[in-house]
């Protein structure tokens, strides 16, 4: 009676197959991670009012057009080659319930006549092959929309200038109404949301956000 032969491949073949599988998996992960860099960004803002702080935040997100998504807050890097698109165009690329990444600024109060502001600043370098840009979030009390926005823009410009080692050369260009760093900065801007608490005990929330679309 003949012994049954082992159908499994020799150990050398198994090692080779394992190596190929690992290599393919690694390359697949590399492709996935490269695809994970956001390619488009849009900016939005909103104001919400309610008897509870949580509901006023929800109303502010609705006003901003992003309440129907699962928001994940991230830090401050603007992707090197991402394109800034209008809010309406960006929203068309998303689906309800989708997980989206945002740089989000929020602020709230229920103190009568209290002014609340939220702002996002942007600074993009001219040479986008070497540096990503910066997004900054700022929230404050007692500042107008323009004051909060300008401060957020200044924060983003300072972070970019510091990365380049040129923070002492950063200046405000009155004519262009943006920050300048010799010829190193392509653009700075901001978006801000501002509101005043109209009723004592009624929560008022402001939000400003940069939404990054992968």
N, C-alpha and C. Protein backbone atom coordinates (compact mmCIF):
# COMPACT_ATOMS: atom_id res chain seq x y z
N UNK A 1 0.85 -1.19 0.00
CA UNK A 1 0.00 0.00 0.00
C UNK A 1 0.89 1.24 0.00
N UNK A 2 0.63 2.14 -0.94
CA UNK A 2 1.48 3.33 -1.06
C UNK A 2 1.00 4.44 -0.11
N UNK A 3 1.96 5.12 0.48
CA UNK A 3 1.62 6.24 1.37
C UNK A 3 1.10 7.41 0.54
N UNK A 4 0.15 8.12 1.10
CA UNK A 4 -0.41 9.30 0.41
C UNK A 4 0.63 10.39 0.37
N UNK A 5 0.77 11.05 -0.75
CA UNK A 5 1.74 12.14 -0.86
C UNK A 5 1.18 13.41 -0.23
N UNK A 6 2.05 14.22 0.34
CA UNK A 6 1.65 15.49 0.96
C UNK A 6 1.33 16.50 -0.14
N UNK A 7 0.07 16.99 -0.21
CA UNK A 7 -0.31 17.91 -1.30
C UNK A 7 0.22 19.32 -1.11
N UNK A 8 0.69 19.63 0.09
CA UNK A 8 1.15 21.00 0.33
C UNK A 8 2.48 21.24 -0.36
N UNK A 9 2.74 22.49 -0.80
CA UNK A 9 3.98 22.80 -1.51
C UNK A 9 5.18 22.72 -0.59
N UNK A 10 6.36 22.54 -1.16
CA UNK A 10 7.58 22.50 -0.34
C UNK A 10 7.75 23.78 0.47
N UNK A 11 8.53 23.68 1.54
CA UNK A 11 8.73 24.82 2.45
C UNK A 11 9.32 26.02 1.73
N UNK A 12 10.21 25.76 0.77
CA UNK A 12 10.83 26.88 0.03
C UNK A 12 9.79 27.65 -0.77
N UNK A 13 8.82 26.90 -1.35
CA UNK A 13 7.76 27.56 -2.11
C UNK A 13 6.86 28.37 -1.20
N UNK A 14 6.58 27.80 -0.01
CA UNK A 14 5.71 28.51 0.94
C UNK A 14 6.36 29.82 1.39
N UNK A 15 7.67 29.77 1.65
CA UNK A 15 8.38 30.99 2.06
C UNK A 15 8.32 32.04 0.96
N UNK A 16 8.50 31.57 -0.28
CA UNK A 16 8.48 32.50 -1.41
C UNK A 16 7.10 33.14 -1.57
N UNK A 17 6.05 32.30 -1.44
CA UNK A 17 4.68 32.82 -1.56
C UNK A 17 4.38 33.82 -0.45
N UNK A 18 4.83 33.51 0.77
CA UNK A 18 4.63 34.42 1.90
C UNK A 18 5.32 35.75 1.66
N UNK A 19 6.55 35.68 1.12
CA UNK A 19 7.31 36.90 0.81
C UNK A 19 6.60 37.75 -0.23
N UNK A 20 6.08 37.09 -1.29
CA UNK A 20 5.35 37.80 -2.35
C UNK A 20 4.09 38.45 -1.79
N UNK A 21 3.36 37.69 -0.93
CA UNK A 21 2.13 38.21 -0.33
C UNK A 21 2.41 39.43 0.53
N UNK A 22 3.48 39.35 1.34
CA UNK A 22 3.85 40.48 2.19
C UNK A 22 4.21 41.69 1.35
N UNK A 23 4.96 41.46 0.26
CA UNK A 23 5.38 42.54 -0.61
C UNK A 23 4.18 43.21 -1.28
N UNK A 24 3.24 42.38 -1.77
CA UNK A 24 2.04 42.93 -2.41
C UNK A 24 1.20 43.71 -1.41
N UNK A 25 1.09 43.15 -0.18
CA UNK A 25 0.32 43.83 0.87
C UNK A 25 0.94 45.17 1.20
N UNK A 26 2.27 45.21 1.33
CA UNK A 26 2.97 46.45 1.64
C UNK A 26 2.75 47.50 0.55
N UNK A 27 2.85 47.06 -0.73
CA UNK A 27 2.65 47.99 -1.84
C UNK A 27 1.20 48.47 -1.87
N UNK A 28 0.27 47.58 -1.53
CA UNK A 28 -1.14 47.95 -1.51
C UNK A 28 -1.39 49.01 -0.45
N UNK A 29 -0.75 48.82 0.73
CA UNK A 29 -0.89 49.81 1.81
C UNK A 29 -0.29 51.13 1.39
N UNK A 30 0.86 51.08 0.69
CA UNK A 30 1.49 52.31 0.20
C UNK A 30 0.56 53.07 -0.73
N UNK A 31 -0.07 52.35 -1.67
CA UNK A 31 -1.00 52.98 -2.60
C UNK A 31 -2.17 53.58 -1.85
N UNK A 32 -2.72 52.83 -0.87
CA UNK A 32 -3.85 53.33 -0.10
C UNK A 32 -3.48 54.59 0.66
N UNK A 33 -2.29 54.61 1.29
CA UNK A 33 -1.88 55.78 2.06
C UNK A 33 -1.64 56.98 1.16
N UNK A 34 -1.09 56.75 -0.05
CA UNK A 34 -0.92 57.85 -1.00
C UNK A 34 -2.26 58.41 -1.43
N UNK A 35 -3.24 57.53 -1.59
CA UNK A 35 -4.58 57.98 -1.96
C UNK A 35 -5.27 58.71 -0.81
N UNK A 36 -4.73 58.58 0.40
CA UNK A 36 -5.36 59.15 1.59
C UNK A 36 -5.02 60.63 1.77
N UNK A 37 -4.16 61.17 0.93
CA UNK A 37 -3.84 62.60 1.01
C UNK A 37 -4.99 63.39 0.39
N UNK A 38 -5.60 64.31 1.14
CA UNK A 38 -6.74 65.07 0.60
C UNK A 38 -6.37 65.82 -0.67
N UNK A 39 -7.30 65.83 -1.61
CA UNK A 39 -7.06 66.49 -2.89
C UNK A 39 -7.86 67.77 -3.06
N UNK A 40 -8.90 67.92 -2.27
CA UNK A 40 -9.72 69.13 -2.34
C UNK A 40 -10.08 69.59 -0.92
N UNK A 41 -10.24 70.89 -0.77
CA UNK A 41 -10.59 71.48 0.53
C UNK A 41 -11.63 72.57 0.30
N UNK A 42 -12.64 72.61 1.17
CA UNK A 42 -13.55 73.75 1.13
C UNK A 42 -13.72 74.32 2.53
N UNK A 43 -14.11 75.58 2.58
CA UNK A 43 -14.27 76.28 3.84
C UNK A 43 -15.74 76.61 4.07
N UNK A 44 -16.14 76.56 5.33
CA UNK A 44 -17.53 76.84 5.66
C UNK A 44 -17.63 77.42 7.07
N UNK A 45 -18.79 77.97 7.38
CA UNK A 45 -19.00 78.56 8.70
C UNK A 45 -20.48 78.52 9.04
N UNK A 46 -20.81 78.69 10.33
CA UNK A 46 -22.22 78.67 10.71
C UNK A 46 -22.43 79.22 12.12
N UNK A 47 -23.70 79.53 12.40
CA UNK A 47 -24.12 80.01 13.72
C UNK A 47 -25.35 79.22 14.15
N UNK A 48 -25.39 78.83 15.41
CA UNK A 48 -26.55 78.10 15.93
C UNK A 48 -26.98 78.64 17.28
N UNK A 49 -28.29 78.58 17.52
CA UNK A 49 -28.85 79.04 18.80
C UNK A 49 -29.83 78.00 19.32
N UNK A 50 -29.77 77.74 20.65
CA UNK A 50 -30.70 76.78 21.25
C UNK A 50 -30.64 76.90 22.77
N UNK A 51 -31.56 76.20 23.42
CA UNK A 51 -31.60 76.22 24.89
C UNK A 51 -30.48 75.38 25.50
N UNK A 52 -29.87 74.49 24.71
CA UNK A 52 -28.74 73.68 25.20
C UNK A 52 -27.51 73.93 24.33
N UNK A 53 -26.35 73.78 24.96
CA UNK A 53 -25.10 74.02 24.24
C UNK A 53 -24.92 73.01 23.10
N UNK A 54 -25.25 71.75 23.38
CA UNK A 54 -25.08 70.71 22.37
C UNK A 54 -25.96 70.97 21.15
N UNK A 55 -27.24 71.34 21.40
CA UNK A 55 -28.14 71.58 20.28
C UNK A 55 -27.72 72.82 19.50
N UNK A 56 -27.19 73.82 20.18
CA UNK A 56 -26.74 75.03 19.46
C UNK A 56 -25.54 74.69 18.56
N UNK A 57 -24.70 73.75 19.02
CA UNK A 57 -23.58 73.29 18.19
C UNK A 57 -24.11 72.57 16.95
N UNK A 58 -25.12 71.72 17.16
CA UNK A 58 -25.74 71.01 16.05
C UNK A 58 -26.34 72.00 15.04
N UNK A 59 -27.00 73.03 15.55
CA UNK A 59 -27.60 74.04 14.66
C UNK A 59 -26.52 74.80 13.88
N UNK A 60 -25.39 75.05 14.53
CA UNK A 60 -24.29 75.74 13.84
C UNK A 60 -23.71 74.87 12.73
N UNK A 61 -23.61 73.57 12.99
CA UNK A 61 -23.13 72.64 11.95
C UNK A 61 -24.11 72.58 10.79
N UNK A 62 -25.41 72.61 11.10
CA UNK A 62 -26.42 72.61 10.04
C UNK A 62 -26.30 73.88 9.19
N UNK A 63 -26.09 75.00 9.88
CA UNK A 63 -25.93 76.27 9.15
C UNK A 63 -24.70 76.23 8.25
N UNK A 64 -23.68 75.51 8.72
CA UNK A 64 -22.45 75.38 7.93
C UNK A 64 -22.56 74.32 6.84
N UNK A 65 -23.63 73.51 6.89
CA UNK A 65 -23.86 72.50 5.85
C UNK A 65 -23.16 71.17 6.08
N UNK A 66 -22.65 70.94 7.32
CA UNK A 66 -21.87 69.72 7.55
C UNK A 66 -22.40 68.88 8.70
N UNK A 67 -23.63 69.11 9.15
CA UNK A 67 -24.20 68.36 10.27
C UNK A 67 -24.46 66.90 9.92
N UNK A 68 -24.63 66.59 8.65
CA UNK A 68 -24.99 65.23 8.23
C UNK A 68 -23.79 64.30 8.09
N UNK A 69 -22.60 64.79 8.46
CA UNK A 69 -21.39 63.96 8.35
C UNK A 69 -20.82 63.64 9.73
N UNK A 70 -20.00 62.60 9.79
CA UNK A 70 -19.25 62.27 11.00
C UNK A 70 -17.91 63.00 10.94
N UNK A 71 -17.74 63.99 11.79
CA UNK A 71 -16.58 64.87 11.71
C UNK A 71 -15.43 64.37 12.57
N UNK A 72 -14.25 64.35 11.98
CA UNK A 72 -13.03 64.00 12.70
C UNK A 72 -12.12 65.21 12.68
N UNK A 73 -11.80 65.74 13.86
CA UNK A 73 -10.93 66.92 13.93
C UNK A 73 -9.48 66.51 13.75
N UNK A 74 -8.78 67.25 12.91
CA UNK A 74 -7.36 66.97 12.66
C UNK A 74 -6.56 68.24 12.89
N UNK A 75 -5.25 68.11 12.74
CA UNK A 75 -4.37 69.26 12.98
C UNK A 75 -4.21 70.11 11.74
N UNK A 76 -3.08 70.78 11.62
CA UNK A 76 -3.05 72.03 10.88
C UNK A 76 -2.38 72.06 9.52
N UNK A 77 -2.12 70.92 8.88
CA UNK A 77 -1.39 70.95 7.62
C UNK A 77 -2.34 70.98 6.43
N UNK A 78 -2.15 71.98 5.56
CA UNK A 78 -2.89 72.03 4.30
C UNK A 78 -2.13 71.17 3.29
N UNK A 79 -2.78 70.16 2.70
CA UNK A 79 -2.08 69.24 1.78
C UNK A 79 -1.40 70.00 0.64
N UNK A 80 -0.18 69.60 0.29
CA UNK A 80 0.64 70.36 -0.66
C UNK A 80 -0.03 70.75 -1.97
N UNK A 81 -0.76 69.83 -2.60
CA UNK A 81 -1.33 70.13 -3.91
C UNK A 81 -2.86 70.14 -3.90
N UNK A 82 -3.45 70.27 -2.74
CA UNK A 82 -4.91 70.28 -2.66
C UNK A 82 -5.48 71.54 -3.31
N UNK A 83 -6.66 71.39 -3.88
CA UNK A 83 -7.35 72.51 -4.55
C UNK A 83 -8.47 73.02 -3.65
N UNK A 84 -8.52 74.33 -3.49
CA UNK A 84 -9.62 74.94 -2.72
C UNK A 84 -10.83 75.10 -3.65
N UNK A 85 -11.95 74.52 -3.25
CA UNK A 85 -13.16 74.57 -4.06
C UNK A 85 -14.28 75.25 -3.27
N UNK A 86 -15.30 75.77 -3.96
CA UNK A 86 -16.45 76.37 -3.26
C UNK A 86 -17.17 75.34 -2.40
N UNK A 87 -17.82 75.82 -1.36
CA UNK A 87 -18.53 74.93 -0.45
C UNK A 87 -19.54 74.05 -1.18
N UNK A 88 -20.32 74.63 -2.08
CA UNK A 88 -21.35 73.88 -2.79
C UNK A 88 -20.75 72.74 -3.61
N UNK A 89 -19.61 73.00 -4.23
CA UNK A 89 -18.95 71.96 -5.02
C UNK A 89 -18.41 70.85 -4.13
N UNK A 90 -17.83 71.23 -3.00
CA UNK A 90 -17.29 70.25 -2.07
C UNK A 90 -18.37 69.35 -1.48
N UNK A 91 -19.50 69.93 -1.13
CA UNK A 91 -20.58 69.15 -0.53
C UNK A 91 -21.13 68.10 -1.49
N UNK A 92 -21.08 68.39 -2.77
CA UNK A 92 -21.57 67.42 -3.77
C UNK A 92 -20.70 66.17 -3.83
N UNK A 93 -19.48 66.25 -3.33
CA UNK A 93 -18.56 65.11 -3.36
C UNK A 93 -18.73 64.20 -2.15
N UNK A 94 -19.57 64.59 -1.21
CA UNK A 94 -19.71 63.86 0.04
C UNK A 94 -21.09 63.21 0.16
N UNK A 95 -21.17 62.19 1.04
CA UNK A 95 -22.43 61.48 1.26
C UNK A 95 -22.81 61.55 2.73
N UNK A 96 -24.11 61.61 3.05
CA UNK A 96 -24.55 61.64 4.45
C UNK A 96 -23.98 60.45 5.23
N UNK A 97 -23.51 60.71 6.43
CA UNK A 97 -22.93 59.67 7.26
C UNK A 97 -21.46 59.43 7.01
N UNK A 98 -20.91 60.04 5.98
CA UNK A 98 -19.50 59.84 5.63
C UNK A 98 -18.60 60.42 6.72
N UNK A 99 -17.48 59.75 6.97
CA UNK A 99 -16.46 60.28 7.89
C UNK A 99 -15.62 61.28 7.11
N UNK A 100 -15.58 62.51 7.60
CA UNK A 100 -14.78 63.53 6.93
C UNK A 100 -13.84 64.20 7.93
N UNK A 101 -12.73 64.66 7.42
CA UNK A 101 -11.70 65.28 8.25
C UNK A 101 -11.82 66.80 8.18
N UNK A 102 -11.76 67.43 9.33
CA UNK A 102 -11.92 68.88 9.38
C UNK A 102 -10.92 69.51 10.34
N UNK A 103 -10.50 70.71 10.00
CA UNK A 103 -9.87 71.60 10.98
C UNK A 103 -11.00 72.51 11.43
N UNK A 104 -11.43 72.34 12.67
CA UNK A 104 -12.66 72.96 13.15
C UNK A 104 -12.41 73.90 14.31
N UNK A 105 -12.95 75.11 14.21
CA UNK A 105 -12.94 76.06 15.32
C UNK A 105 -14.38 76.25 15.79
N UNK A 106 -14.61 76.21 17.10
CA UNK A 106 -15.96 76.38 17.64
C UNK A 106 -15.90 77.17 18.94
N UNK A 107 -16.96 77.91 19.20
CA UNK A 107 -17.04 78.69 20.44
C UNK A 107 -18.51 78.89 20.79
N UNK A 108 -18.80 79.00 22.07
CA UNK A 108 -20.20 79.17 22.47
C UNK A 108 -20.31 79.88 23.81
N UNK A 109 -21.49 80.46 24.03
CA UNK A 109 -21.78 81.15 25.30
C UNK A 109 -23.30 81.28 25.45
N UNK A 110 -23.74 81.39 26.72
CA UNK A 110 -25.15 81.69 26.98
C UNK A 110 -25.29 82.97 27.80
N UNK A 111 -24.21 83.77 27.81
CA UNK A 111 -24.20 85.04 28.55
C UNK A 111 -24.73 86.17 27.65
N UNK A 112 -25.77 86.84 28.12
CA UNK A 112 -26.42 87.89 27.34
C UNK A 112 -25.41 88.92 26.84
N UNK A 113 -25.53 89.25 25.55
CA UNK A 113 -24.70 90.26 24.88
C UNK A 113 -23.23 89.84 24.68
N UNK A 114 -22.92 88.61 25.02
CA UNK A 114 -21.56 88.11 24.81
C UNK A 114 -21.34 87.88 23.31
N UNK A 115 -20.21 88.39 22.80
CA UNK A 115 -19.86 88.19 21.39
C UNK A 115 -18.91 87.00 21.27
N UNK A 116 -19.28 86.03 20.43
CA UNK A 116 -18.44 84.83 20.25
C UNK A 116 -18.01 84.72 18.79
N UNK A 117 -16.80 84.26 18.60
CA UNK A 117 -16.25 84.15 17.24
C UNK A 117 -15.46 82.87 17.09
N UNK A 118 -15.46 82.35 15.87
CA UNK A 118 -14.63 81.20 15.50
C UNK A 118 -14.04 81.51 14.12
N UNK A 119 -12.80 81.10 13.92
CA UNK A 119 -12.15 81.42 12.63
C UNK A 119 -11.12 80.38 12.25
N UNK A 120 -10.94 80.22 10.94
CA UNK A 120 -9.90 79.36 10.38
C UNK A 120 -9.01 80.22 9.49
N UNK A 121 -7.71 80.12 9.68
CA UNK A 121 -6.76 80.85 8.86
C UNK A 121 -6.05 79.90 7.89
N UNK A 122 -5.61 80.44 6.76
CA UNK A 122 -4.94 79.64 5.73
C UNK A 122 -3.69 80.37 5.25
N UNK A 123 -2.62 79.61 5.08
CA UNK A 123 -1.40 80.14 4.46
C UNK A 123 -0.82 79.07 3.56
N UNK A 124 -0.64 79.40 2.28
CA UNK A 124 -0.14 78.45 1.28
C UNK A 124 1.19 78.96 0.72
N UNK A 125 2.25 78.13 0.70
CA UNK A 125 3.53 78.56 0.16
C UNK A 125 3.53 78.55 -1.37
N UNK A 126 4.39 79.34 -1.94
CA UNK A 126 4.51 79.35 -3.40
C UNK A 126 5.10 78.04 -3.91
N UNK A 127 6.13 77.54 -3.23
CA UNK A 127 6.75 76.27 -3.61
C UNK A 127 6.03 75.14 -2.86
N UNK A 128 5.06 74.53 -3.49
CA UNK A 128 4.25 73.52 -2.82
C UNK A 128 4.86 72.13 -2.91
N UNK A 129 6.03 72.02 -3.55
CA UNK A 129 6.71 70.73 -3.59
C UNK A 129 7.54 70.49 -2.33
N UNK A 130 7.88 71.56 -1.63
CA UNK A 130 8.73 71.44 -0.45
C UNK A 130 7.95 71.52 0.86
N UNK A 131 6.89 72.35 0.87
CA UNK A 131 6.12 72.55 2.10
C UNK A 131 4.63 72.40 1.83
N UNK A 132 3.93 71.86 2.81
CA UNK A 132 2.48 71.97 2.79
C UNK A 132 2.12 73.33 3.37
N UNK A 133 0.89 73.75 3.21
CA UNK A 133 0.47 75.00 3.83
C UNK A 133 0.03 74.76 5.26
N UNK A 134 -0.51 75.81 5.87
CA UNK A 134 -0.98 75.69 7.25
C UNK A 134 -2.42 76.17 7.38
N UNK A 135 -3.15 75.47 8.23
CA UNK A 135 -4.51 75.85 8.63
C UNK A 135 -4.48 76.07 10.13
N UNK A 136 -5.04 77.19 10.57
CA UNK A 136 -5.06 77.48 12.00
C UNK A 136 -6.49 77.68 12.46
N UNK A 137 -6.79 77.28 13.71
CA UNK A 137 -8.11 77.55 14.26
C UNK A 137 -7.99 78.53 15.41
N UNK A 138 -8.98 79.40 15.51
CA UNK A 138 -8.99 80.44 16.55
C UNK A 138 -10.42 80.65 17.02
N UNK A 139 -10.62 80.72 18.33
CA UNK A 139 -11.94 81.06 18.87
C UNK A 139 -11.75 82.09 19.98
N UNK A 140 -12.67 83.03 20.05
CA UNK A 140 -12.47 84.15 20.96
C UNK A 140 -13.79 84.76 21.40
N UNK A 141 -13.70 85.61 22.42
CA UNK A 141 -14.83 86.40 22.89
C UNK A 141 -14.51 87.88 22.69
N UNK A 142 -15.52 88.66 22.32
CA UNK A 142 -15.34 90.11 22.22
C UNK A 142 -14.65 90.59 20.97
N UNK A 143 -14.38 89.70 20.02
CA UNK A 143 -13.75 90.11 18.77
C UNK A 143 -14.79 90.12 17.65
N UNK A 144 -14.65 91.09 16.75
CA UNK A 144 -15.52 91.11 15.58
C UNK A 144 -15.12 89.97 14.63
N UNK A 145 -15.94 89.75 13.63
CA UNK A 145 -15.63 88.71 12.65
C UNK A 145 -14.30 88.98 11.96
N UNK A 146 -14.07 90.24 11.60
CA UNK A 146 -12.84 90.59 10.90
C UNK A 146 -11.62 90.43 11.81
N UNK A 147 -11.76 90.83 13.07
CA UNK A 147 -10.64 90.71 14.02
C UNK A 147 -10.26 89.24 14.23
N UNK A 148 -11.26 88.40 14.44
CA UNK A 148 -10.99 86.98 14.66
C UNK A 148 -10.39 86.34 13.41
N UNK A 149 -10.92 86.70 12.24
CA UNK A 149 -10.41 86.14 10.99
C UNK A 149 -8.97 86.55 10.72
N UNK A 150 -8.68 87.83 10.92
CA UNK A 150 -7.32 88.33 10.68
C UNK A 150 -6.32 87.65 11.62
N UNK A 151 -6.76 87.42 12.89
CA UNK A 151 -5.85 86.79 13.84
C UNK A 151 -5.57 85.35 13.44
N UNK A 152 -6.60 84.62 13.00
CA UNK A 152 -6.41 83.24 12.55
C UNK A 152 -5.48 83.19 11.34
N UNK A 153 -5.67 84.13 10.43
CA UNK A 153 -4.81 84.21 9.24
C UNK A 153 -3.36 84.47 9.64
N UNK A 154 -3.18 85.35 10.62
CA UNK A 154 -1.83 85.66 11.12
C UNK A 154 -1.19 84.42 11.73
N UNK A 155 -1.97 83.63 12.48
CA UNK A 155 -1.43 82.41 13.08
C UNK A 155 -0.93 81.44 12.01
N UNK A 156 -1.74 81.25 10.95
CA UNK A 156 -1.35 80.34 9.87
C UNK A 156 -0.10 80.84 9.16
N UNK A 157 -0.04 82.12 8.89
CA UNK A 157 1.12 82.70 8.21
C UNK A 157 2.38 82.58 9.07
N UNK A 158 2.23 82.78 10.38
CA UNK A 158 3.38 82.67 11.28
C UNK A 158 3.90 81.24 11.35
N UNK A 159 2.98 80.26 11.37
CA UNK A 159 3.41 78.86 11.40
C UNK A 159 4.18 78.49 10.14
N UNK A 160 3.69 78.99 9.00
CA UNK A 160 4.37 78.70 7.74
C UNK A 160 5.74 79.38 7.70
N UNK A 161 5.79 80.64 8.12
CA UNK A 161 7.06 81.37 8.12
C UNK A 161 8.05 80.73 9.07
N UNK A 162 7.58 80.24 10.21
CA UNK A 162 8.45 79.59 11.19
C UNK A 162 9.03 78.30 10.61
N UNK A 163 8.21 77.54 9.86
CA UNK A 163 8.69 76.31 9.22
C UNK A 163 9.81 76.61 8.24
N UNK A 164 9.71 77.75 7.57
CA UNK A 164 10.72 78.15 6.59
C UNK A 164 11.91 78.84 7.23
N UNK A 165 11.83 79.07 8.54
CA UNK A 165 12.90 79.78 9.23
C UNK A 165 12.96 81.25 8.90
N UNK A 166 11.79 81.85 8.56
CA UNK A 166 11.76 83.24 8.12
C UNK A 166 10.68 84.05 8.86
N UNK A 167 10.40 83.68 10.10
CA UNK A 167 9.31 84.33 10.83
C UNK A 167 9.51 85.83 10.99
N UNK A 168 10.78 86.26 11.11
CA UNK A 168 11.07 87.69 11.30
C UNK A 168 10.86 88.50 10.03
N UNK A 169 10.67 87.83 8.88
CA UNK A 169 10.48 88.55 7.61
C UNK A 169 9.00 88.63 7.20
N UNK A 170 8.11 88.12 8.03
CA UNK A 170 6.68 88.13 7.72
C UNK A 170 6.10 89.54 7.89
N UNK A 171 5.41 90.04 6.84
CA UNK A 171 4.82 91.39 6.90
C UNK A 171 3.40 91.35 6.34
N UNK A 172 2.61 92.32 6.75
CA UNK A 172 1.24 92.47 6.24
C UNK A 172 1.25 93.37 5.02
N UNK A 173 0.70 92.90 3.90
CA UNK A 173 0.63 93.67 2.66
C UNK A 173 -0.72 94.38 2.61
N UNK A 174 -0.70 95.69 2.84
CA UNK A 174 -1.94 96.47 2.89
C UNK A 174 -2.67 96.46 1.55
N UNK A 175 -1.93 96.53 0.48
CA UNK A 175 -2.54 96.60 -0.85
C UNK A 175 -3.27 95.28 -1.19
N UNK A 176 -2.61 94.16 -0.94
CA UNK A 176 -3.20 92.85 -1.23
C UNK A 176 -4.10 92.35 -0.11
N UNK A 177 -3.97 92.97 1.06
CA UNK A 177 -4.71 92.55 2.26
C UNK A 177 -4.45 91.08 2.58
N UNK A 178 -3.17 90.74 2.62
CA UNK A 178 -2.75 89.41 3.02
C UNK A 178 -1.30 89.49 3.48
N UNK A 179 -0.84 88.41 4.12
CA UNK A 179 0.53 88.40 4.61
C UNK A 179 1.51 88.06 3.50
N UNK A 180 2.71 88.62 3.61
CA UNK A 180 3.74 88.44 2.60
C UNK A 180 5.03 87.98 3.27
N UNK A 181 5.76 87.10 2.58
CA UNK A 181 7.04 86.59 3.09
C UNK A 181 8.01 86.59 1.92
N UNK A 182 8.46 87.80 1.55
CA UNK A 182 9.25 87.99 0.33
C UNK A 182 8.46 87.38 -0.82
N UNK A 183 8.99 86.36 -1.49
CA UNK A 183 8.23 85.72 -2.57
C UNK A 183 7.86 84.28 -2.21
N UNK A 184 7.86 83.97 -0.92
CA UNK A 184 7.69 82.59 -0.49
C UNK A 184 6.23 82.19 -0.27
N UNK A 185 5.35 83.15 -0.02
CA UNK A 185 3.95 82.83 0.24
C UNK A 185 3.10 83.12 -0.99
N UNK A 186 2.29 82.15 -1.35
CA UNK A 186 1.40 82.32 -2.49
C UNK A 186 0.11 83.01 -2.09
N UNK A 187 -0.42 82.62 -0.92
CA UNK A 187 -1.72 83.14 -0.53
C UNK A 187 -1.94 82.98 0.97
N UNK A 188 -2.60 83.98 1.59
CA UNK A 188 -3.13 83.83 2.95
C UNK A 188 -4.58 84.33 2.93
N UNK A 189 -5.42 83.69 3.74
CA UNK A 189 -6.82 84.11 3.81
C UNK A 189 -7.44 83.54 5.08
N UNK A 190 -8.73 83.79 5.27
CA UNK A 190 -9.41 83.28 6.46
C UNK A 190 -10.91 83.19 6.21
N UNK A 191 -11.58 82.45 7.09
CA UNK A 191 -13.04 82.44 7.14
C UNK A 191 -13.41 82.52 8.61
N UNK A 192 -14.42 83.30 8.94
CA UNK A 192 -14.78 83.51 10.34
C UNK A 192 -16.28 83.58 10.52
N UNK A 193 -16.72 83.17 11.70
CA UNK A 193 -18.12 83.22 12.08
C UNK A 193 -18.24 84.00 13.38
N UNK A 194 -19.25 84.87 13.45
CA UNK A 194 -19.38 85.75 14.61
C UNK A 194 -20.85 85.92 14.97
N UNK A 195 -21.16 85.95 16.26
CA UNK A 195 -22.55 86.15 16.70
C UNK A 195 -22.56 86.71 18.12
N UNK A 196 -23.69 87.32 18.48
CA UNK A 196 -23.89 87.87 19.82
C UNK A 196 -25.05 87.11 20.47
N UNK A 197 -24.89 86.78 21.76
CA UNK A 197 -25.96 86.11 22.50
C UNK A 197 -27.12 87.09 22.67
N UNK A 198 -28.27 86.74 22.14
CA UNK A 198 -29.42 87.66 22.12
C UNK A 198 -30.34 87.51 23.32
N UNK A 199 -30.34 86.33 23.95
CA UNK A 199 -31.21 86.08 25.11
C UNK A 199 -30.40 85.42 26.22
N UNK A 200 -30.58 85.89 27.43
CA UNK A 200 -29.87 85.32 28.56
C UNK A 200 -30.29 83.85 28.73
N UNK A 201 -29.33 82.95 28.81
CA UNK A 201 -29.63 81.54 28.98
C UNK A 201 -29.79 80.78 27.68
N UNK A 202 -29.81 81.48 26.56
CA UNK A 202 -29.89 80.81 25.26
C UNK A 202 -28.47 80.65 24.71
N UNK A 203 -28.11 79.41 24.44
CA UNK A 203 -26.76 79.14 23.96
C UNK A 203 -26.60 79.57 22.50
N UNK A 204 -25.49 80.24 22.25
CA UNK A 204 -25.13 80.66 20.88
C UNK A 204 -23.77 80.07 20.56
N UNK A 205 -23.69 79.35 19.44
CA UNK A 205 -22.44 78.70 19.03
C UNK A 205 -22.04 79.14 17.63
N UNK A 206 -20.75 79.40 17.46
CA UNK A 206 -20.21 79.70 16.14
C UNK A 206 -19.23 78.60 15.76
N UNK A 207 -19.20 78.27 14.47
CA UNK A 207 -18.21 77.31 13.97
C UNK A 207 -17.61 77.84 12.68
N UNK A 208 -16.36 77.49 12.45
CA UNK A 208 -15.69 77.73 11.17
C UNK A 208 -14.87 76.49 10.89
N UNK A 209 -14.83 76.05 9.64
CA UNK A 209 -14.16 74.78 9.36
C UNK A 209 -13.53 74.76 7.98
N UNK A 210 -12.42 74.04 7.91
CA UNK A 210 -11.83 73.64 6.63
C UNK A 210 -12.11 72.15 6.51
N UNK A 211 -12.80 71.75 5.46
CA UNK A 211 -13.17 70.35 5.24
C UNK A 211 -12.25 69.76 4.17
N UNK A 212 -11.54 68.69 4.53
CA UNK A 212 -10.57 68.08 3.63
C UNK A 212 -11.19 66.83 3.00
N UNK A 213 -11.20 66.79 1.68
CA UNK A 213 -11.83 65.69 0.95
C UNK A 213 -10.75 64.79 0.36
N UNK A 214 -10.77 63.51 0.76
CA UNK A 214 -9.78 62.55 0.28
C UNK A 214 -10.17 62.06 -1.10
